[in-house]
mmCIF file of all heavy atoms, coordinates in Angstrom:
data_MODEL
# 
_entry.id   MODEL 
# 
loop_
_atom_site.group_PDB 
_atom_site.id 
_atom_site.type_symbol 
_atom_site.label_atom_id 
_atom_site.label_alt_id 
_atom_site.label_comp_id 
_atom_site.label_asym_id 
_atom_site.label_entity_id 
_atom_site.label_seq_id 
_atom_site.pdbx_PDB_ins_code 
_atom_site.Cartn_x 
_atom_site.Cartn_y 
_atom_site.Cartn_z 
_atom_site.occupancy 
_atom_site.B_iso_or_equiv 
_atom_site.pdbx_formal_charge 
_atom_site.auth_seq_id 
_atom_site.auth_comp_id 
_atom_site.auth_asym_id 
_atom_site.auth_atom_id 
_atom_site.pdbx_PDB_model_num 
ATOM 1   N N   . GLN A 1 1  ? 0.849  -1.191  0.000   1.00 0.00 ? 1  GLN A N   1 
ATOM 2   C CA  . GLN A 1 1  ? 0.000  0.000   0.000   1.00 0.00 ? 1  GLN A CA  1 
ATOM 3   C C   . GLN A 1 1  ? 0.879  1.232   0.000   1.00 0.00 ? 1  GLN A C   1 
ATOM 4   O O   . GLN A 1 1  ? 1.635  1.462   0.952   1.00 0.00 ? 1  GLN A O   1 
ATOM 5   C CB  . GLN A 1 1  ? -0.933 0.011   1.209   1.00 0.00 ? 1  GLN A CB  1 
ATOM 6   C CG  . GLN A 1 1  ? -1.947 1.134   1.157   1.00 0.00 ? 1  GLN A CG  1 
ATOM 7   C CD  . GLN A 1 1  ? -3.059 0.963   2.162   1.00 0.00 ? 1  GLN A CD  1 
ATOM 8   O OE1 . GLN A 1 1  ? -2.914 0.263   3.163   1.00 0.00 ? 1  GLN A OE1 1 
ATOM 9   N NE2 . GLN A 1 1  ? -4.191 1.579   1.899   1.00 0.00 ? 1  GLN A NE2 1 
ATOM 10  N N   . ALA A 1 2  ? 0.784  2.001   -1.074  1.00 0.00 ? 2  ALA A N   1 
ATOM 11  C CA  . ALA A 1 2  ? 1.512  3.253   -1.193  1.00 0.00 ? 2  ALA A CA  1 
ATOM 12  C C   . ALA A 1 2  ? 0.681  4.372   -0.573  1.00 0.00 ? 2  ALA A C   1 
ATOM 13  O O   . ALA A 1 2  ? -0.552 4.252   -0.476  1.00 0.00 ? 2  ALA A O   1 
ATOM 14  C CB  . ALA A 1 2  ? 1.803  3.548   -2.650  1.00 0.00 ? 2  ALA A CB  1 
ATOM 15  N N   . PRO A 1 3  ? 1.317  5.459   -0.171  1.00 0.00 ? 3  PRO A N   1 
ATOM 16  C CA  . PRO A 1 3  ? 0.579  6.569   0.435   1.00 0.00 ? 3  PRO A CA  1 
ATOM 17  C C   . PRO A 1 3  ? -0.534 7.075   -0.485  1.00 0.00 ? 3  PRO A C   1 
ATOM 18  O O   . PRO A 1 3  ? -0.304 7.323   -1.672  1.00 0.00 ? 3  PRO A O   1 
ATOM 19  C CB  . PRO A 1 3  ? 1.658  7.640   0.628   1.00 0.00 ? 3  PRO A CB  1 
ATOM 20  C CG  . PRO A 1 3  ? 2.929  6.878   0.722   1.00 0.00 ? 3  PRO A CG  1 
ATOM 21  C CD  . PRO A 1 3  ? 2.764  5.712   -0.192  1.00 0.00 ? 3  PRO A CD  1 
ATOM 22  N N   . GLY A 1 4  ? -1.730 7.184   0.058   1.00 0.00 ? 4  GLY A N   1 
ATOM 23  C CA  . GLY A 1 4  ? -2.851 7.706   -0.696  1.00 0.00 ? 4  GLY A CA  1 
ATOM 24  C C   . GLY A 1 4  ? -3.453 6.743   -1.688  1.00 0.00 ? 4  GLY A C   1 
ATOM 25  O O   . GLY A 1 4  ? -4.337 7.127   -2.470  1.00 0.00 ? 4  GLY A O   1 
ATOM 26  N N   . LYS A 1 5  ? -2.987 5.489   -1.684  1.00 0.00 ? 5  LYS A N   1 
ATOM 27  C CA  . LYS A 1 5  ? -3.497 4.510   -2.636  1.00 0.00 ? 5  LYS A CA  1 
ATOM 28  C C   . LYS A 1 5  ? -4.077 3.308   -1.913  1.00 0.00 ? 5  LYS A C   1 
ATOM 29  O O   . LYS A 1 5  ? -3.812 3.076   -0.738  1.00 0.00 ? 5  LYS A O   1 
ATOM 30  C CB  . LYS A 1 5  ? -2.379 4.052   -3.581  1.00 0.00 ? 5  LYS A CB  1 
ATOM 31  C CG  . LYS A 1 5  ? -1.863 5.154   -4.500  1.00 0.00 ? 5  LYS A CG  1 
ATOM 32  C CD  . LYS A 1 5  ? -0.916 4.590   -5.530  1.00 0.00 ? 5  LYS A CD  1 
ATOM 33  C CE  . LYS A 1 5  ? -0.476 5.654   -6.513  1.00 0.00 ? 5  LYS A CE  1 
ATOM 34  N NZ  . LYS A 1 5  ? 0.439  5.118   -7.549  1.00 0.00 ? 5  LYS A NZ  1 
ATOM 35  N N   . GLU A 1 6  ? -4.875 2.537   -2.644  1.00 0.00 ? 6  GLU A N   1 
ATOM 36  C CA  . GLU A 1 6  ? -5.445 1.319   -2.083  1.00 0.00 ? 6  GLU A CA  1 
ATOM 37  C C   . GLU A 1 6  ? -4.363 0.236   -2.033  1.00 0.00 ? 6  GLU A C   1 
ATOM 38  O O   . GLU A 1 6  ? -3.392 0.252   -2.794  1.00 0.00 ? 6  GLU A O   1 
ATOM 39  C CB  . GLU A 1 6  ? -6.602 0.832   -2.958  1.00 0.00 ? 6  GLU A CB  1 
ATOM 40  C CG  . GLU A 1 6  ? -7.680 1.860   -3.178  1.00 0.00 ? 6  GLU A CG  1 
ATOM 41  C CD  . GLU A 1 6  ? -9.046 1.317   -2.794  1.00 0.00 ? 6  GLU A CD  1 
ATOM 42  O OE1 . GLU A 1 6  ? -9.249 0.100   -2.895  1.00 0.00 ? 6  GLU A OE1 1 
ATOM 43  O OE2 . GLU A 1 6  ? -9.904 2.126   -2.397  1.00 0.00 ? 6  GLU A OE2 1 
ATOM 44  N N   . ARG A 1 7  ? -4.577 -0.707  -1.125  1.00 0.00 ? 7  ARG A N   1 
ATOM 45  C CA  . ARG A 1 7  ? -3.650 -1.827  -1.053  1.00 0.00 ? 7  ARG A CA  1 
ATOM 46  C C   . ARG A 1 7  ? -3.790 -2.667  -2.324  1.00 0.00 ? 7  ARG A C   1 
ATOM 47  O O   . ARG A 1 7  ? -4.917 -2.862  -2.831  1.00 0.00 ? 7  ARG A O   1 
ATOM 48  C CB  . ARG A 1 7  ? -3.953 -2.673  0.186   1.00 0.00 ? 7  ARG A CB  1 
ATOM 49  C CG  . ARG A 1 7  ? -2.923 -3.746  0.462   1.00 0.00 ? 7  ARG A CG  1 
ATOM 50  C CD  . ARG A 1 7  ? -2.945 -4.176  1.922   1.00 0.00 ? 7  ARG A CD  1 
ATOM 51  N NE  . ARG A 1 7  ? -4.246 -4.613  2.361   1.00 0.00 ? 7  ARG A NE  1 
ATOM 52  C CZ  . ARG A 1 7  ? -4.535 -4.887  3.626   1.00 0.00 ? 7  ARG A CZ  1 
ATOM 53  N NH1 . ARG A 1 7  ? -3.612 -4.763  4.562   1.00 0.00 ? 7  ARG A NH1 1 
ATOM 54  N NH2 . ARG A 1 7  ? -5.755 -5.289  3.953   1.00 0.00 ? 7  ARG A NH2 1 
ATOM 55  N N   . GLU A 1 8  ? -2.675 -3.170  -2.823  1.00 0.00 ? 8  GLU A N   1 
ATOM 56  C CA  . GLU A 1 8  ? -2.695 -3.928  -4.072  1.00 0.00 ? 8  GLU A CA  1 
ATOM 57  C C   . GLU A 1 8  ? -1.879 -5.215  -3.935  1.00 0.00 ? 8  GLU A C   1 
ATOM 58  O O   . GLU A 1 8  ? -0.925 -5.301  -3.155  1.00 0.00 ? 8  GLU A O   1 
ATOM 59  C CB  . GLU A 1 8  ? -2.148 -3.088  -5.235  1.00 0.00 ? 8  GLU A CB  1 
ATOM 60  C CG  . GLU A 1 8  ? -0.691 -2.703  -5.103  1.00 0.00 ? 8  GLU A CG  1 
ATOM 61  C CD  . GLU A 1 8  ? -0.151 -1.958  -6.318  1.00 0.00 ? 8  GLU A CD  1 
ATOM 62  O OE1 . GLU A 1 8  ? -0.908 -1.705  -7.265  1.00 0.00 ? 8  GLU A OE1 1 
ATOM 63  O OE2 . GLU A 1 8  ? 1.049  -1.639  -6.295  1.00 0.00 ? 8  GLU A OE2 1 
ATOM 64  N N   . PHE A 1 9  ? -2.261 -6.185  -4.732  1.00 0.00 ? 9  PHE A N   1 
ATOM 65  C CA  . PHE A 1 9  ? -1.569 -7.469  -4.782  1.00 0.00 ? 9  PHE A CA  1 
ATOM 66  C C   . PHE A 1 9  ? -0.204 -7.298  -5.417  1.00 0.00 ? 9  PHE A C   1 
ATOM 67  O O   . PHE A 1 9  ? -0.046 -6.555  -6.385  1.00 0.00 ? 9  PHE A O   1 
ATOM 68  C CB  . PHE A 1 9  ? -2.408 -8.457  -5.601  1.00 0.00 ? 9  PHE A CB  1 
ATOM 69  C CG  . PHE A 1 9  ? -1.660 -9.678  -6.048  1.00 0.00 ? 9  PHE A CG  1 
ATOM 70  C CD1 . PHE A 1 9  ? -1.365 -10.682 -5.145  1.00 0.00 ? 9  PHE A CD1 1 
ATOM 71  C CD2 . PHE A 1 9  ? -1.256 -9.820  -7.363  1.00 0.00 ? 9  PHE A CD2 1 
ATOM 72  C CE1 . PHE A 1 9  ? -0.671 -11.809 -5.557  1.00 0.00 ? 9  PHE A CE1 1 
ATOM 73  C CE2 . PHE A 1 9  ? -0.567 -10.929 -7.786  1.00 0.00 ? 9  PHE A CE2 1 
ATOM 74  C CZ  . PHE A 1 9  ? -0.276 -11.935 -6.876  1.00 0.00 ? 9  PHE A CZ  1 
ATOM 75  N N   . VAL A 1 10 ? 0.785  -8.032  -4.881  1.00 0.00 ? 10 VAL A N   1 
ATOM 76  C CA  . VAL A 1 10 ? 2.129  -8.007  -5.438  1.00 0.00 ? 10 VAL A CA  1 
ATOM 77  C C   . VAL A 1 10 ? 2.545  -9.383  -5.953  1.00 0.00 ? 10 VAL A C   1 
ATOM 78  O O   . VAL A 1 10 ? 2.935  -9.537  -7.110  1.00 0.00 ? 10 VAL A O   1 
ATOM 79  C CB  . VAL A 1 10 ? 3.144  -7.521  -4.386  1.00 0.00 ? 10 VAL A CB  1 
ATOM 80  C CG1 . VAL A 1 10 ? 4.570  -7.608  -4.943  1.00 0.00 ? 10 VAL A CG1 1 
ATOM 81  C CG2 . VAL A 1 10 ? 2.822  -6.111  -3.921  1.00 0.00 ? 10 VAL A CG2 1 
ATOM 82  N N   . ALA A 1 11 ? 2.478  -10.392 -5.069  1.00 0.00 ? 11 ALA A N   1 
ATOM 83  C CA  . ALA A 1 11 ? 2.955  -11.726 -5.452  1.00 0.00 ? 11 ALA A CA  1 
ATOM 84  C C   . ALA A 1 11 ? 2.280  -12.772 -4.591  1.00 0.00 ? 11 ALA A C   1 
ATOM 85  O O   . ALA A 1 11 ? 1.851  -12.480 -3.465  1.00 0.00 ? 11 ALA A O   1 
ATOM 86  C CB  . ALA A 1 11 ? 4.470  -11.823 -5.300  1.00 0.00 ? 11 ALA A CB  1 
ATOM 87  N N   . ALA A 1 12 ? 2.189  -13.988 -5.113  1.00 0.00 ? 12 ALA A N   1 
ATOM 88  C CA  . ALA A 1 12 ? 1.546  -15.080 -4.402  1.00 0.00 ? 12 ALA A CA  1 
ATOM 89  C C   . ALA A 1 12 ? 2.319  -16.366 -4.603  1.00 0.00 ? 12 ALA A C   1 
ATOM 90  O O   . ALA A 1 12 ? 2.958  -16.572 -5.646  1.00 0.00 ? 12 ALA A O   1 
ATOM 91  C CB  . ALA A 1 12 ? 0.109  -15.267 -4.913  1.00 0.00 ? 12 ALA A CB  1 
ATOM 92  N N   . ILE A 1 13 ? 2.232  -17.242 -3.607  1.00 0.00 ? 13 ILE A N   1 
ATOM 93  C CA  . ILE A 1 13 ? 2.842  -18.564 -3.725  1.00 0.00 ? 13 ILE A CA  1 
ATOM 94  C C   . ILE A 1 13 ? 1.908  -19.576 -3.084  1.00 0.00 ? 13 ILE A C   1 
ATOM 95  O O   . ILE A 1 13 ? 1.338  -19.325 -2.019  1.00 0.00 ? 13 ILE A O   1 
ATOM 96  C CB  . ILE A 1 13 ? 4.250  -18.595 -3.095  1.00 0.00 ? 13 ILE A CB  1 
ATOM 97  C CG1 . ILE A 1 13 ? 4.952  -19.919 -3.406  1.00 0.00 ? 13 ILE A CG1 1 
ATOM 98  C CG2 . ILE A 1 13 ? 4.205  -18.318 -1.599  1.00 0.00 ? 13 ILE A CG2 1 
ATOM 99  C CD1 . ILE A 1 13 ? 6.453  -19.879 -3.159  1.00 0.00 ? 13 ILE A CD1 1 
ATOM 100 N N   . SER A 1 14 ? 1.743  -20.704 -3.740  1.00 0.00 ? 14 SER A N   1 
ATOM 101 C CA  . SER A 1 14 ? 0.840  -21.727 -3.232  1.00 0.00 ? 14 SER A CA  1 
ATOM 102 C C   . SER A 1 14 ? 1.440  -22.410 -2.007  1.00 0.00 ? 14 SER A C   1 
ATOM 103 O O   . SER A 1 14 ? 2.633  -22.285 -1.716  1.00 0.00 ? 14 SER A O   1 
ATOM 104 C CB  . SER A 1 14 ? 0.565  -22.764 -4.315  1.00 0.00 ? 14 SER A CB  1 
ATOM 105 O OG  . SER A 1 14 ? 1.776  -23.420 -4.688  1.00 0.00 ? 14 SER A OG  1 
ATOM 106 N N   . TRP A 1 15 ? 0.593  -23.176 -1.310  1.00 0.00 ? 15 TRP A N   1 
ATOM 107 C CA  . TRP A 1 15 ? 1.027  -23.822 -0.061  1.00 0.00 ? 15 TRP A CA  1 
ATOM 108 C C   . TRP A 1 15 ? 2.202  -24.757 -0.283  1.00 0.00 ? 15 TRP A C   1 
ATOM 109 O O   . TRP A 1 15 ? 3.076  -24.879 0.571   1.00 0.00 ? 15 TRP A O   1 
ATOM 110 C CB  . TRP A 1 15 ? -0.150 -24.562 0.568   1.00 0.00 ? 15 TRP A CB  1 
ATOM 111 C CG  . TRP A 1 15 ? -0.800 -25.565 -0.338  1.00 0.00 ? 15 TRP A CG  1 
ATOM 112 C CD1 . TRP A 1 15 ? -1.799 -25.343 -1.235  1.00 0.00 ? 15 TRP A CD1 1 
ATOM 113 C CD2 . TRP A 1 15 ? -0.481 -26.958 -0.434  1.00 0.00 ? 15 TRP A CD2 1 
ATOM 114 N NE1 . TRP A 1 15 ? -2.114 -26.500 -1.888  1.00 0.00 ? 15 TRP A NE1 1 
ATOM 115 C CE2 . TRP A 1 15 ? -1.330 -27.515 -1.414  1.00 0.00 ? 15 TRP A CE2 1 
ATOM 116 C CE3 . TRP A 1 15 ? 0.431  -27.795 0.220   1.00 0.00 ? 15 TRP A CE3 1 
ATOM 117 C CZ2 . TRP A 1 15 ? -1.301 -28.862 -1.754  1.00 0.00 ? 15 TRP A CZ2 1 
ATOM 118 C CZ3 . TRP A 1 15 ? 0.458  -29.130 -0.121  1.00 0.00 ? 15 TRP A CZ3 1 
ATOM 119 C CH2 . TRP A 1 15 ? -0.393 -29.653 -1.106  1.00 0.00 ? 15 TRP A CH2 1 
ATOM 120 N N   . SER A 1 16 ? 2.250  -25.372 -1.467  1.00 0.00 ? 16 SER A N   1 
ATOM 121 C CA  . SER A 1 16 ? 3.346  -26.310 -1.768  1.00 0.00 ? 16 SER A CA  1 
ATOM 122 C C   . SER A 1 16 ? 4.560  -25.609 -2.357  1.00 0.00 ? 16 SER A C   1 
ATOM 123 O O   . SER A 1 16 ? 5.640  -26.198 -2.456  1.00 0.00 ? 16 SER A O   1 
ATOM 124 C CB  . SER A 1 16 ? 2.855  -27.365 -2.753  1.00 0.00 ? 16 SER A CB  1 
ATOM 125 O OG  . SER A 1 16 ? 2.544  -26.751 -3.998  1.00 0.00 ? 16 SER A OG  1 
ATOM 126 N N   . GLY A 1 17 ? 4.362  -24.373 -2.779  1.00 0.00 ? 17 GLY A N   1 
ATOM 127 C CA  . GLY A 1 17 ? 5.442  -23.649 -3.450  1.00 0.00 ? 17 GLY A CA  1 
ATOM 128 C C   . GLY A 1 17 ? 5.531  -23.918 -4.938  1.00 0.00 ? 17 GLY A C   1 
ATOM 129 O O   . GLY A 1 17 ? 6.390  -23.358 -5.616  1.00 0.00 ? 17 GLY A O   1 
ATOM 130 N N   . SER A 1 18 ? 4.634  -24.748 -5.461  1.00 0.00 ? 18 SER A N   1 
ATOM 131 C CA  . SER A 1 18 ? 4.724  -25.132 -6.867  1.00 0.00 ? 18 SER A CA  1 
ATOM 132 C C   . SER A 1 18 ? 4.126  -24.110 -7.820  1.00 0.00 ? 18 SER A C   1 
ATOM 133 O O   . SER A 1 18 ? 4.391  -24.155 -9.025  1.00 0.00 ? 18 SER A O   1 
ATOM 134 C CB  . SER A 1 18 ? 4.026  -26.479 -7.081  1.00 0.00 ? 18 SER A CB  1 
ATOM 135 O OG  . SER A 1 18 ? 2.656  -26.385 -6.742  1.00 0.00 ? 18 SER A OG  1 
ATOM 136 N N   . ARG A 1 19 ? 3.305  -23.220 -7.293  1.00 0.00 ? 19 ARG A N   1 
ATOM 137 C CA  . ARG A 1 19 ? 2.659  -22.201 -8.137  1.00 0.00 ? 19 ARG A CA  1 
ATOM 138 C C   . ARG A 1 19 ? 2.949  -20.817 -7.580  1.00 0.00 ? 19 ARG A C   1 
ATOM 139 O O   . ARG A 1 19 ? 2.931  -20.605 -6.376  1.00 0.00 ? 19 ARG A O   1 
ATOM 140 C CB  . ARG A 1 19 ? 1.146  -22.409 -8.186  1.00 0.00 ? 19 ARG A CB  1 
ATOM 141 C CG  . ARG A 1 19 ? 0.708  -23.744 -8.779  1.00 0.00 ? 19 ARG A CG  1 
ATOM 142 C CD  . ARG A 1 19 ? -0.809 -23.798 -8.916  1.00 0.00 ? 19 ARG A CD  1 
ATOM 143 N NE  . ARG A 1 19 ? -1.496 -23.593 -7.650  1.00 0.00 ? 19 ARG A NE  1 
ATOM 144 C CZ  . ARG A 1 19 ? -1.743 -24.534 -6.766  1.00 0.00 ? 19 ARG A CZ  1 
ATOM 145 N NH1 . ARG A 1 19 ? -1.355 -25.773 -7.001  1.00 0.00 ? 19 ARG A NH1 1 
ATOM 146 N NH2 . ARG A 1 19 ? -2.379 -24.264 -5.647  1.00 0.00 ? 19 ARG A NH2 1 
ATOM 147 N N   . THR A 1 20 ? 3.231  -19.890 -8.477  1.00 0.00 ? 20 THR A N   1 
ATOM 148 C CA  . THR A 1 20 ? 3.435  -18.498 -8.106  1.00 0.00 ? 20 THR A CA  1 
ATOM 149 C C   . THR A 1 20 ? 2.682  -17.598 -9.076  1.00 0.00 ? 20 THR A C   1 
ATOM 150 O O   . THR A 1 20 ? 2.322  -18.018 -10.191 1.00 0.00 ? 20 THR A O   1 
ATOM 151 C CB  . THR A 1 20 ? 4.919  -18.105 -8.127  1.00 0.00 ? 20 THR A CB  1 
ATOM 152 O OG1 . THR A 1 20 ? 5.448  -18.334 -9.440  1.00 0.00 ? 20 THR A OG1 1 
ATOM 153 C CG2 . THR A 1 20 ? 5.723  -18.893 -7.101  1.00 0.00 ? 20 THR A CG2 1 
ATOM 154 N N   . ALA A 1 21 ? 2.443  -16.376 -8.631  1.00 0.00 ? 21 ALA A N   1 
ATOM 155 C CA  . ALA A 1 21 ? 1.786  -15.383 -9.477  1.00 0.00 ? 21 ALA A CA  1 
ATOM 156 C C   . ALA A 1 21 ? 2.309  -14.006 -9.091  1.00 0.00 ? 21 ALA A C   1 
ATOM 157 O O   . ALA A 1 21 ? 2.699  -13.795 -7.935  1.00 0.00 ? 21 ALA A O   1 
ATOM 158 C CB  . ALA A 1 21 ? 0.271  -15.439 -9.317  1.00 0.00 ? 21 ALA A CB  1 
ATOM 159 N N   . TYR A 1 22 ? 2.316  -13.095 -10.061 1.00 0.00 ? 22 TYR A N   1 
ATOM 160 C CA  . TYR A 1 22 ? 2.847  -11.756 -9.828  1.00 0.00 ? 22 TYR A CA  1 
ATOM 161 C C   . TYR A 1 22 ? 1.960  -10.707 -10.474 1.00 0.00 ? 22 TYR A C   1 
ATOM 162 O O   . TYR A 1 22 ? 1.353  -10.938 -11.527 1.00 0.00 ? 22 TYR A O   1 
ATOM 163 C CB  . TYR A 1 22 ? 4.252  -11.638 -10.425 1.00 0.00 ? 22 TYR A CB  1 
ATOM 164 C CG  . TYR A 1 22 ? 5.257  -12.567 -9.801  1.00 0.00 ? 22 TYR A CG  1 
ATOM 165 C CD1 . TYR A 1 22 ? 5.491  -13.833 -10.333 1.00 0.00 ? 22 TYR A CD1 1 
ATOM 166 C CD2 . TYR A 1 22 ? 5.952  -12.193 -8.656  1.00 0.00 ? 22 TYR A CD2 1 
ATOM 167 C CE1 . TYR A 1 22 ? 6.390  -14.697 -9.742  1.00 0.00 ? 22 TYR A CE1 1 
ATOM 168 C CE2 . TYR A 1 22 ? 6.863  -13.053 -8.063  1.00 0.00 ? 22 TYR A CE2 1 
ATOM 169 C CZ  . TYR A 1 22 ? 7.072  -14.302 -8.610  1.00 0.00 ? 22 TYR A CZ  1 
ATOM 170 O OH  . TYR A 1 22 ? 7.971  -15.164 -8.019  1.00 0.00 ? 22 TYR A OH  1 
ATOM 171 N N   . ALA A 1 23 ? 1.939  -9.537  -9.861  1.00 0.00 ? 23 ALA A N   1 
ATOM 172 C CA  . ALA A 1 23 ? 1.316  -8.386  -10.504 1.00 0.00 ? 23 ALA A CA  1 
ATOM 173 C C   . ALA A 1 23 ? 2.163  -8.001  -11.709 1.00 0.00 ? 23 ALA A C   1 
ATOM 174 O O   . ALA A 1 23 ? 3.394  -8.159  -11.701 1.00 0.00 ? 23 ALA A O   1 
ATOM 175 C CB  . ALA A 1 23 ? 1.245  -7.222  -9.526  1.00 0.00 ? 23 ALA A CB  1 
ATOM 176 N N   . ASP A 1 24 ? 1.524  -7.496  -12.735 1.00 0.00 ? 24 ASP A N   1 
ATOM 177 C CA  . ASP A 1 24 ? 2.255  -7.111  -13.944 1.00 0.00 ? 24 ASP A CA  1 
ATOM 178 C C   . ASP A 1 24 ? 3.346  -6.090  -13.638 1.00 0.00 ? 24 ASP A C   1 
ATOM 179 O O   . ASP A 1 24 ? 4.407  -6.097  -14.266 1.00 0.00 ? 24 ASP A O   1 
ATOM 180 C CB  . ASP A 1 24 ? 1.286  -6.532  -14.979 1.00 0.00 ? 24 ASP A CB  1 
ATOM 181 C CG  . ASP A 1 24 ? 0.415  -7.601  -15.614 1.00 0.00 ? 24 ASP A CG  1 
ATOM 182 O OD1 . ASP A 1 24 ? 0.743  -8.799  -15.499 1.00 0.00 ? 24 ASP A OD1 1 
ATOM 183 O OD2 . ASP A 1 24 ? -0.610 -7.240  -16.219 1.00 0.00 ? 24 ASP A OD2 1 
ATOM 184 N N   . SER A 1 25 ? 3.095  -5.238  -12.659 1.00 0.00 ? 25 SER A N   1 
ATOM 185 C CA  . SER A 1 25 ? 4.025  -4.151  -12.357 1.00 0.00 ? 25 SER A CA  1 
ATOM 186 C C   . SER A 1 25 ? 5.353  -4.643  -11.779 1.00 0.00 ? 25 SER A C   1 
ATOM 187 O O   . SER A 1 25 ? 6.344  -3.912  -11.786 1.00 0.00 ? 25 SER A O   1 
ATOM 188 C CB  . SER A 1 25 ? 3.382  -3.162  -11.394 1.00 0.00 ? 25 SER A CB  1 
ATOM 189 O OG  . SER A 1 25 ? 2.997  -3.817  -10.201 1.00 0.00 ? 25 SER A OG  1 
ATOM 190 N N   . VAL A 1 26 ? 5.384  -5.886  -11.270 1.00 0.00 ? 26 VAL A N   1 
ATOM 191 C CA  . VAL A 1 26 ? 6.604  -6.406  -10.652 1.00 0.00 ? 26 VAL A CA  1 
ATOM 192 C C   . VAL A 1 26 ? 7.150  -7.631  -11.367 1.00 0.00 ? 26 VAL A C   1 
ATOM 193 O O   . VAL A 1 26 ? 8.241  -8.120  -11.010 1.00 0.00 ? 26 VAL A O   1 
ATOM 194 C CB  . VAL A 1 26 ? 6.388  -6.726  -9.160  1.00 0.00 ? 26 VAL A CB  1 
ATOM 195 C CG1 . VAL A 1 26 ? 5.817  -5.524  -8.427  1.00 0.00 ? 26 VAL A CG1 1 
ATOM 196 C CG2 . VAL A 1 26 ? 5.519  -7.952  -8.959  1.00 0.00 ? 26 VAL A CG2 1 
ATOM 197 N N   . LYS A 1 27 ? 6.425  -8.124  -12.342 1.00 0.00 ? 27 LYS A N   1 
ATOM 198 C CA  . LYS A 1 27 ? 6.838  -9.337  -13.038 1.00 0.00 ? 27 LYS A CA  1 
ATOM 199 C C   . LYS A 1 27 ? 8.213  -9.151  -13.655 1.00 0.00 ? 27 LYS A C   1 
ATOM 200 O O   . LYS A 1 27 ? 8.490  -8.133  -14.293 1.00 0.00 ? 27 LYS A O   1 
ATOM 201 C CB  . LYS A 1 27 ? 5.793  -9.679  -14.103 1.00 0.00 ? 27 LYS A CB  1 
ATOM 202 C CG  . LYS A 1 27 ? 5.720  -11.131 -14.481 1.00 0.00 ? 27 LYS A CG  1 
ATOM 203 C CD  . LYS A 1 27 ? 4.502  -11.400 -15.357 1.00 0.00 ? 27 LYS A CD  1 
ATOM 204 C CE  . LYS A 1 27 ? 3.208  -11.294 -14.590 1.00 0.00 ? 27 LYS A CE  1 
ATOM 205 N NZ  . LYS A 1 27 ? 2.029  -11.638 -15.405 1.00 0.00 ? 27 LYS A NZ  1 
ATOM 206 N N   . GLY A 1 28 ? 9.085  -10.122 -13.449 1.00 0.00 ? 28 GLY A N   1 
ATOM 207 C CA  . GLY A 1 28 ? 10.446 -10.043 -13.975 1.00 0.00 ? 28 GLY A CA  1 
ATOM 208 C C   . GLY A 1 28 ? 11.428 -9.355  -13.049 1.00 0.00 ? 28 GLY A C   1 
ATOM 209 O O   . GLY A 1 28 ? 12.636 -9.436  -13.255 1.00 0.00 ? 28 GLY A O   1 
ATOM 210 N N   . ARG A 1 29 ? 10.912 -8.665  -12.027 1.00 0.00 ? 29 ARG A N   1 
ATOM 211 C CA  . ARG A 1 29 ? 11.791 -7.974  -11.076 1.00 0.00 ? 29 ARG A CA  1 
ATOM 212 C C   . ARG A 1 29 ? 11.724 -8.573  -9.673  1.00 0.00 ? 29 ARG A C   1 
ATOM 213 O O   . ARG A 1 29 ? 12.722 -8.565  -8.950  1.00 0.00 ? 29 ARG A O   1 
ATOM 214 C CB  . ARG A 1 29 ? 11.416 -6.489  -10.987 1.00 0.00 ? 29 ARG A CB  1 
ATOM 215 C CG  . ARG A 1 29 ? 11.527 -5.742  -12.305 1.00 0.00 ? 29 ARG A CG  1 
ATOM 216 C CD  . ARG A 1 29 ? 11.310 -4.245  -12.111 1.00 0.00 ? 29 ARG A CD  1 
ATOM 217 N NE  . ARG A 1 29 ? 9.979  -3.926  -11.601 1.00 0.00 ? 29 ARG A NE  1 
ATOM 218 C CZ  . ARG A 1 29 ? 9.740  -3.273  -10.471 1.00 0.00 ? 29 ARG A CZ  1 
ATOM 219 N NH1 . ARG A 1 29 ? 10.742 -2.873  -9.711  1.00 0.00 ? 29 ARG A NH1 1 
ATOM 220 N NH2 . ARG A 1 29 ? 8.504  -3.021  -10.091 1.00 0.00 ? 29 ARG A NH2 1 
ATOM 221 N N   . PHE A 1 30 ? 10.566 -9.074  -9.284  1.00 0.00 ? 30 PHE A N   1 
ATOM 222 C CA  . PHE A 1 30 ? 10.356 -9.626  -7.947  1.00 0.00 ? 30 PHE A CA  1 
ATOM 223 C C   . PHE A 1 30 ? 10.240 -11.144 -8.023  1.00 0.00 ? 30 PHE A C   1 
ATOM 224 O O   . PHE A 1 30 ? 9.759  -11.691 -9.024  1.00 0.00 ? 30 PHE A O   1 
ATOM 225 C CB  . PHE A 1 30 ? 9.076  -9.078  -7.335  1.00 0.00 ? 30 PHE A CB  1 
ATOM 226 C CG  . PHE A 1 30 ? 9.116  -7.627  -6.928  1.00 0.00 ? 30 PHE A CG  1 
ATOM 227 C CD1 . PHE A 1 30 ? 10.144 -6.773  -7.342  1.00 0.00 ? 30 PHE A CD1 1 
ATOM 228 C CD2 . PHE A 1 30 ? 8.111  -7.104  -6.115  1.00 0.00 ? 30 PHE A CD2 1 
ATOM 229 C CE1 . PHE A 1 30 ? 10.163 -5.441  -6.957  1.00 0.00 ? 30 PHE A CE1 1 
ATOM 230 C CE2 . PHE A 1 30 ? 8.127  -5.776  -5.722  1.00 0.00 ? 30 PHE A CE2 1 
ATOM 231 C CZ  . PHE A 1 30 ? 9.146  -4.941  -6.157  1.00 0.00 ? 30 PHE A CZ  1 
ATOM 232 N N   . GLY A 1 31 ? 10.652 -11.805 -6.946  1.00 0.00 ? 31 GLY A N   1 
ATOM 233 C CA  . GLY A 1 31 ? 10.507 -13.254 -6.855  1.00 0.00 ? 31 GLY A CA  1 
ATOM 234 C C   . GLY A 1 31 ? 10.009 -13.652 -5.478  1.00 0.00 ? 31 GLY A C   1 
ATOM 235 O O   . GLY A 1 31 ? 10.534 -13.180 -4.475  1.00 0.00 ? 31 GLY A O   1 
ATOM 236 N N   . ILE A 1 32 ? 8.980  -14.486 -5.434  1.00 0.00 ? 32 ILE A N   1 
ATOM 237 C CA  . ILE A 1 32 ? 8.452  -14.963 -4.172  1.00 0.00 ? 32 ILE A CA  1 
ATOM 238 C C   . ILE A 1 32 ? 8.892  -16.411 -3.977  1.00 0.00 ? 32 ILE A C   1 
ATOM 239 O O   . ILE A 1 32 ? 8.937  -17.201 -4.933  1.00 0.00 ? 32 ILE A O   1 
ATOM 240 C CB  . ILE A 1 32 ? 6.902  -14.844 -4.122  1.00 0.00 ? 32 ILE A CB  1 
ATOM 241 C CG1 . ILE A 1 32 ? 6.375  -15.142 -2.727  1.00 0.00 ? 32 ILE A CG1 1 
ATOM 242 C CG2 . ILE A 1 32 ? 6.244  -15.712 -5.182  1.00 0.00 ? 32 ILE A CG2 1 
ATOM 243 C CD1 . ILE A 1 32 ? 4.891  -14.819 -2.547  1.00 0.00 ? 32 ILE A CD1 1 
# 
């Protein structure tokens, strides 16, 4: 959550770790 903005999704990982997902804004730069 940035100042003055709504909270937004960044990255996700499944319980097993086998699946991940990223917001377009961080894809290729962030790793979960």
